[in-house]
Amino acid sequence: MKDFEALARVFHTLGDKTRLSIIALLNAGEMNVTAIRGKLKLPQSSVSHHLGLLRAGGLVAARRNGKQVFYSLADLPKHRMGQKSKLTPPGTNAARFGPAELVFPEV
């Protein structure tokens, strides 16, 4: 049952249109809050809030460069529950979580 609780948290984190949009943008490469905000046409506070939730869920990684923070997708196969699927093409950011597989499409 514990695995299903963790899996439910991952999907709950992804269960928001804005967070899914951020994931799709980051699948194309690293971005800072300003760039994400510009693409999504949302206030910085909203983007920062959603990025915080994605980071807490282990789906997004952050790298500081001076005053700016750049975000990228976390390495999903190294996620605490995820395992690389044998069916997923190499180089694709995807992971199998129990019975479900996450494959992030290119934007």
Protein backbone atom coordinates (compact mmCIF):
# COMPACT_ATOMS: atom_id res chain seq x y z
CA MET A 1 0.00 0.00 0.00
CA LYS A 2 2.88 2.38 0.70
CA ASP A 3 3.90 2.37 -2.98
CA PHE A 4 0.39 3.36 -4.00
CA GLU A 5 0.44 6.28 -1.56
CA ALA A 6 3.66 7.60 -3.09
CA LEU A 7 2.30 7.01 -6.59
CA ALA A 8 -0.88 8.90 -5.70
CA ARG A 9 1.23 11.86 -4.50
CA VAL A 10 3.12 11.94 -7.82
CA PHE A 11 -0.09 11.95 -9.82
CA HIS A 12 -1.69 14.48 -7.48
CA THR A 13 1.28 16.77 -8.10
CA LEU A 14 0.81 16.34 -11.85
CA GLY A 15 -2.97 16.76 -11.60
CA ASP A 16 -2.97 20.46 -12.45
CA LYS A 17 -2.99 22.10 -15.88
CA THR A 18 -0.36 24.70 -14.94
CA ARG A 19 2.03 22.11 -13.50
CA LEU A 20 1.60 19.91 -16.57
CA SER A 21 2.31 22.94 -18.76
CA ILE A 22 5.49 23.65 -16.80
CA ILE A 23 6.58 20.02 -17.17
CA ALA A 24 5.96 20.20 -20.92
CA LEU A 25 8.02 23.40 -21.21
CA LEU A 26 10.89 21.99 -19.16
CA ASN A 27 10.93 18.87 -21.30
CA ALA A 28 12.35 21.09 -24.05
CA GLY A 29 15.15 22.31 -21.76
CA GLU A 30 16.14 24.31 -18.72
CA MET A 31 14.27 27.58 -18.05
CA ASN A 32 14.08 30.25 -15.36
CA VAL A 33 10.87 31.57 -13.79
CA THR A 34 10.80 34.62 -16.06
CA ALA A 35 10.91 32.50 -19.22
CA ILE A 36 8.24 30.11 -17.91
CA ARG A 37 6.05 33.04 -16.85
CA GLY A 38 6.38 34.59 -20.31
CA LYS A 39 5.39 31.37 -22.09
CA LEU A 40 2.42 30.65 -19.81
CA LYS A 41 1.32 34.29 -19.39
CA LEU A 42 0.94 33.83 -15.64
CA PRO A 43 2.06 35.93 -12.66
CA GLN A 44 5.52 35.12 -11.30
CA SER A 45 4.07 34.23 -7.89
CA SER A 46 1.83 31.59 -9.48
CA VAL A 47 4.67 30.06 -11.50
CA SER A 48 6.93 30.04 -8.43
CA HIS A 49 4.21 28.35 -6.37
CA HIS A 50 3.73 25.58 -8.93
CA LEU A 51 7.50 25.11 -9.34
CA GLY A 52 7.78 24.73 -5.57
CA LEU A 53 5.17 21.97 -5.60
CA LEU A 54 6.92 20.21 -8.49
CA ARG A 55 10.25 20.44 -6.67
CA ALA A 56 8.73 19.11 -3.45
CA GLY A 57 7.30 16.21 -5.46
CA GLY A 58 10.74 15.41 -6.87
CA LEU A 59 9.70 16.07 -10.47
CA VAL A 60 11.70 19.27 -11.05
CA ALA A 61 15.31 20.13 -10.19
CA ALA A 62 16.71 23.64 -9.62
CA ARG A 63 20.14 25.10 -10.34
CA ARG A 64 21.19 28.53 -9.08
CA ASN A 65 23.29 30.81 -11.28
CA GLY A 66 23.89 34.07 -9.43
CA LYS A 67 20.50 35.53 -8.58
CA GLN A 68 18.64 33.38 -11.08
CA VAL A 69 17.33 29.88 -10.55
CA PHE A 70 17.05 27.60 -13.56
CA TYR A 71 14.63 24.70 -13.52
CA SER A 72 14.77 21.40 -15.37
CA LEU A 73 13.01 18.07 -15.20
CA ALA A 74 14.35 15.79 -12.54
CA ASP A 75 15.87 12.59 -13.85
CA LEU A 76 12.70 10.51 -13.59
CA PRO A 77 14.40 7.10 -13.72
CA LYS A 78 16.27 8.16 -10.57
CA HIS A 79 13.03 9.35 -8.93
CA ARG A 80 12.42 7.54 -5.69
CA MET A 81 9.71 5.36 -7.27
CA GLY A 82 10.42 5.56 -10.98
CA GLN A 83 12.23 2.98 -13.03
CA LYS A 84 13.20 3.32 -16.67
CA SER A 85 10.85 1.34 -18.86
CA LYS A 86 12.34 -1.09 -21.37
CA LEU A 87 9.65 0.01 -23.83
CA THR A 88 10.68 3.68 -23.76
CA PRO A 89 13.16 4.84 -26.42
CA PRO A 90 16.61 5.86 -25.12
CA GLY A 91 16.93 9.58 -24.44
CA THR A 92 13.23 9.99 -23.65
CA ASN A 93 12.40 11.44 -20.26
CA ALA A 94 10.08 8.72 -19.04
CA ALA A 95 9.72 6.46 -16.06
CA ARG A 96 7.52 3.58 -14.99
CA PHE A 97 5.72 4.07 -11.68
CA GLY A 98 4.20 0.74 -10.78
CA PRO A 99 1.42 0.15 -13.32
CA ALA A 100 1.77 3.59 -14.95
CA GLU A 101 4.39 5.08 -17.24
CA LEU A 102 5.08 8.79 -17.54
CA VAL A 103 6.40 9.92 -20.91
CA PHE A 104 6.76 13.67 -21.35
CA PRO A 105 6.09 14.78 -24.93
CA GLU A 106 8.20 17.34 -26.72
CA VAL A 107 6.56 20.76 -26.98
